[in-house]
Amino acid sequence: MTDQTPEPTGGEDAARAAARRRRLAEVFGEVLPDTTTDERPTPAPTDSSDDSWYQENRPPHHGT
C-alpha cells in the first residue's frame, strides 16, 4: 500500500512553519532572559553562618 497524500510544496511548508512559530509564541511568549548568568555581576559572598536567607524564604506555615 502506498501513501496517497500529496507532497507539500515549499510554500505550504513555509506557511505551516510560520503558523507553528505563531502558535508557540502565543503559548510561551518570550521566555528567554534579557541576560545570561555570565553577563550578570557576581553577588558578593555571604557568611555561611548567616541565617537571613532561610528567614526570608521560610514558608508562612512555619510561623515566626
N, C-alpha and C. Protein backbone atom coordinates (compact mmCIF):
# COMPACT_ATOMS: atom_id res chain seq x y z
N MET A 1 0.86 -1.18 0.00
CA MET A 1 0.00 0.00 0.00
C MET A 1 0.90 1.24 0.00
N THR A 2 0.60 2.18 -0.84
CA THR A 2 1.41 3.40 -0.95
C THR A 2 0.68 4.56 -0.29
N ASP A 3 1.45 5.53 0.12
CA ASP A 3 0.89 6.73 0.76
C ASP A 3 0.28 7.61 -0.33
N GLN A 4 -0.97 7.99 -0.17
CA GLN A 4 -1.69 8.76 -1.19
C GLN A 4 -1.71 10.26 -0.90
N THR A 5 -1.07 10.71 0.20
CA THR A 5 -1.07 12.14 0.50
C THR A 5 -0.09 12.85 -0.42
N PRO A 6 -0.49 14.00 -0.96
CA PRO A 6 0.40 14.73 -1.87
C PRO A 6 1.58 15.33 -1.11
N GLU A 7 2.68 15.43 -1.77
CA GLU A 7 3.85 16.07 -1.18
C GLU A 7 3.59 17.56 -1.02
N PRO A 8 3.90 18.14 0.15
CA PRO A 8 3.68 19.58 0.32
C PRO A 8 4.69 20.37 -0.50
N THR A 9 4.24 21.48 -1.00
CA THR A 9 5.14 22.37 -1.76
C THR A 9 5.92 23.23 -0.79
N GLY A 10 6.90 23.94 -1.29
CA GLY A 10 7.71 24.80 -0.43
C GLY A 10 6.89 25.86 0.27
N GLY A 11 5.89 26.41 -0.41
CA GLY A 11 5.04 27.43 0.20
C GLY A 11 4.21 26.89 1.33
N GLU A 12 3.74 25.64 1.19
CA GLU A 12 2.96 25.03 2.26
C GLU A 12 3.82 24.77 3.48
N ASP A 13 5.06 24.32 3.27
CA ASP A 13 5.98 24.09 4.39
C ASP A 13 6.27 25.40 5.12
N ALA A 14 6.51 26.45 4.37
CA ALA A 14 6.81 27.75 4.98
C ALA A 14 5.60 28.27 5.75
N ALA A 15 4.41 28.12 5.19
CA ALA A 15 3.20 28.58 5.88
C ALA A 15 2.96 27.77 7.14
N ARG A 16 3.19 26.47 7.06
CA ARG A 16 3.00 25.61 8.23
C ARG A 16 4.01 25.96 9.32
N ALA A 17 5.25 26.22 8.93
CA ALA A 17 6.29 26.58 9.89
C ALA A 17 5.98 27.93 10.54
N ALA A 18 5.49 28.88 9.75
CA ALA A 18 5.14 30.19 10.30
C ALA A 18 3.97 30.07 11.26
N ALA A 19 2.98 29.25 10.93
CA ALA A 19 1.84 29.05 11.82
C ALA A 19 2.29 28.41 13.12
N ARG A 20 3.22 27.46 13.04
CA ARG A 20 3.73 26.79 14.24
C ARG A 20 4.48 27.79 15.13
N ARG A 21 5.30 28.64 14.52
CA ARG A 21 6.02 29.66 15.30
C ARG A 21 5.05 30.62 15.98
N ARG A 22 3.99 31.04 15.28
CA ARG A 22 3.00 31.94 15.89
C ARG A 22 2.30 31.26 17.06
N ARG A 23 1.96 29.99 16.88
CA ARG A 23 1.27 29.24 17.94
C ARG A 23 2.18 29.09 19.16
N LEU A 24 3.44 28.77 18.95
CA LEU A 24 4.38 28.65 20.06
C LEU A 24 4.58 29.99 20.77
N ALA A 25 4.65 31.07 19.99
CA ALA A 25 4.82 32.40 20.59
C ALA A 25 3.59 32.77 21.42
N GLU A 26 2.39 32.39 20.95
CA GLU A 26 1.17 32.65 21.71
C GLU A 26 1.20 31.93 23.05
N VAL A 27 1.62 30.69 23.03
CA VAL A 27 1.61 29.87 24.24
C VAL A 27 2.71 30.27 25.20
N PHE A 28 3.93 30.38 24.70
CA PHE A 28 5.07 30.56 25.58
C PHE A 28 5.55 32.01 25.68
N GLY A 29 5.24 32.83 24.71
CA GLY A 29 5.72 34.21 24.74
C GLY A 29 7.23 34.24 24.66
N GLU A 30 7.80 35.30 25.11
CA GLU A 30 9.25 35.44 25.11
C GLU A 30 9.77 34.90 26.44
N VAL A 31 10.36 33.73 26.42
CA VAL A 31 10.80 33.09 27.65
C VAL A 31 12.29 33.20 27.88
N LEU A 32 13.02 33.76 26.94
CA LEU A 32 14.45 33.89 27.12
C LEU A 32 14.77 35.09 28.00
N PRO A 33 15.74 34.97 28.89
CA PRO A 33 16.10 36.09 29.75
C PRO A 33 16.81 37.18 28.97
N ASP A 34 16.79 38.40 29.51
CA ASP A 34 17.49 39.51 28.87
C ASP A 34 19.01 39.33 28.93
N THR A 35 19.49 38.75 30.03
CA THR A 35 20.91 38.50 30.18
C THR A 35 21.11 37.07 30.65
N THR A 36 22.31 36.59 30.50
CA THR A 36 22.65 35.26 30.99
C THR A 36 23.50 35.40 32.24
N THR A 37 23.70 34.30 32.95
CA THR A 37 24.42 34.37 34.22
C THR A 37 25.86 34.86 34.04
N ASP A 38 26.46 34.59 32.90
CA ASP A 38 27.83 35.07 32.71
C ASP A 38 27.89 36.56 32.43
N GLU A 39 26.75 37.20 32.13
CA GLU A 39 26.71 38.65 31.89
C GLU A 39 26.33 39.43 33.15
N ARG A 40 25.81 38.74 34.16
CA ARG A 40 25.37 39.41 35.39
C ARG A 40 26.53 39.52 36.36
N PRO A 41 26.51 40.56 37.19
CA PRO A 41 27.58 40.68 38.19
C PRO A 41 27.47 39.54 39.21
N THR A 42 28.61 39.09 39.68
CA THR A 42 28.64 38.02 40.67
C THR A 42 28.26 38.60 42.03
N PRO A 43 27.30 37.99 42.71
CA PRO A 43 26.92 38.51 44.03
C PRO A 43 28.07 38.32 45.03
N ALA A 44 28.13 39.23 45.97
CA ALA A 44 29.17 39.16 46.99
C ALA A 44 28.95 37.91 47.84
N PRO A 45 30.03 37.22 48.19
CA PRO A 45 29.87 36.03 49.03
C PRO A 45 29.32 36.42 50.40
N THR A 46 28.48 35.56 50.92
CA THR A 46 27.89 35.84 52.24
C THR A 46 28.48 34.89 53.27
N ASP A 47 28.38 35.28 54.50
CA ASP A 47 28.85 34.45 55.59
C ASP A 47 27.96 33.21 55.69
N SER A 48 28.57 32.04 55.74
CA SER A 48 27.78 30.81 55.75
C SER A 48 26.99 30.63 57.05
N SER A 49 27.34 31.35 58.09
CA SER A 49 26.60 31.23 59.35
C SER A 49 25.40 32.17 59.40
N ASP A 50 25.23 32.99 58.36
CA ASP A 50 24.12 33.94 58.31
C ASP A 50 22.82 33.21 57.95
N ASP A 51 21.80 33.32 58.78
CA ASP A 51 20.52 32.64 58.55
C ASP A 51 19.49 33.54 57.88
N SER A 52 19.89 34.70 57.39
CA SER A 52 18.92 35.64 56.83
C SER A 52 18.21 35.05 55.60
N TRP A 53 18.94 34.29 54.77
CA TRP A 53 18.30 33.71 53.59
C TRP A 53 17.19 32.76 54.03
N TYR A 54 17.46 31.94 55.02
CA TYR A 54 16.46 30.99 55.50
C TYR A 54 15.25 31.71 56.10
N GLN A 55 15.49 32.79 56.81
CA GLN A 55 14.40 33.54 57.40
C GLN A 55 13.56 34.24 56.33
N GLU A 56 14.20 34.75 55.29
CA GLU A 56 13.47 35.42 54.21
C GLU A 56 12.65 34.42 53.39
N ASN A 57 13.11 33.19 53.29
CA ASN A 57 12.46 32.18 52.45
C ASN A 57 11.70 31.14 53.25
N ARG A 58 11.42 31.42 54.51
CA ARG A 58 10.68 30.50 55.36
C ARG A 58 9.22 30.46 54.92
N PRO A 59 8.66 29.27 54.71
CA PRO A 59 7.25 29.18 54.32
C PRO A 59 6.34 29.75 55.41
N PRO A 60 5.23 30.38 55.05
CA PRO A 60 4.36 31.02 56.03
C PRO A 60 3.79 30.03 57.05
N HIS A 61 3.63 28.80 56.69
CA HIS A 61 3.04 27.83 57.63
C HIS A 61 4.02 27.42 58.73
N HIS A 62 5.27 27.89 58.68
CA HIS A 62 6.23 27.57 59.71
C HIS A 62 6.21 28.58 60.86
N GLY A 63 5.44 29.61 60.75
CA GLY A 63 5.33 30.59 61.83
C GLY A 63 6.55 31.48 61.95
N THR A 64 6.61 32.24 63.05
CA THR A 64 7.72 33.17 63.23
C THR A 64 8.72 32.68 64.20
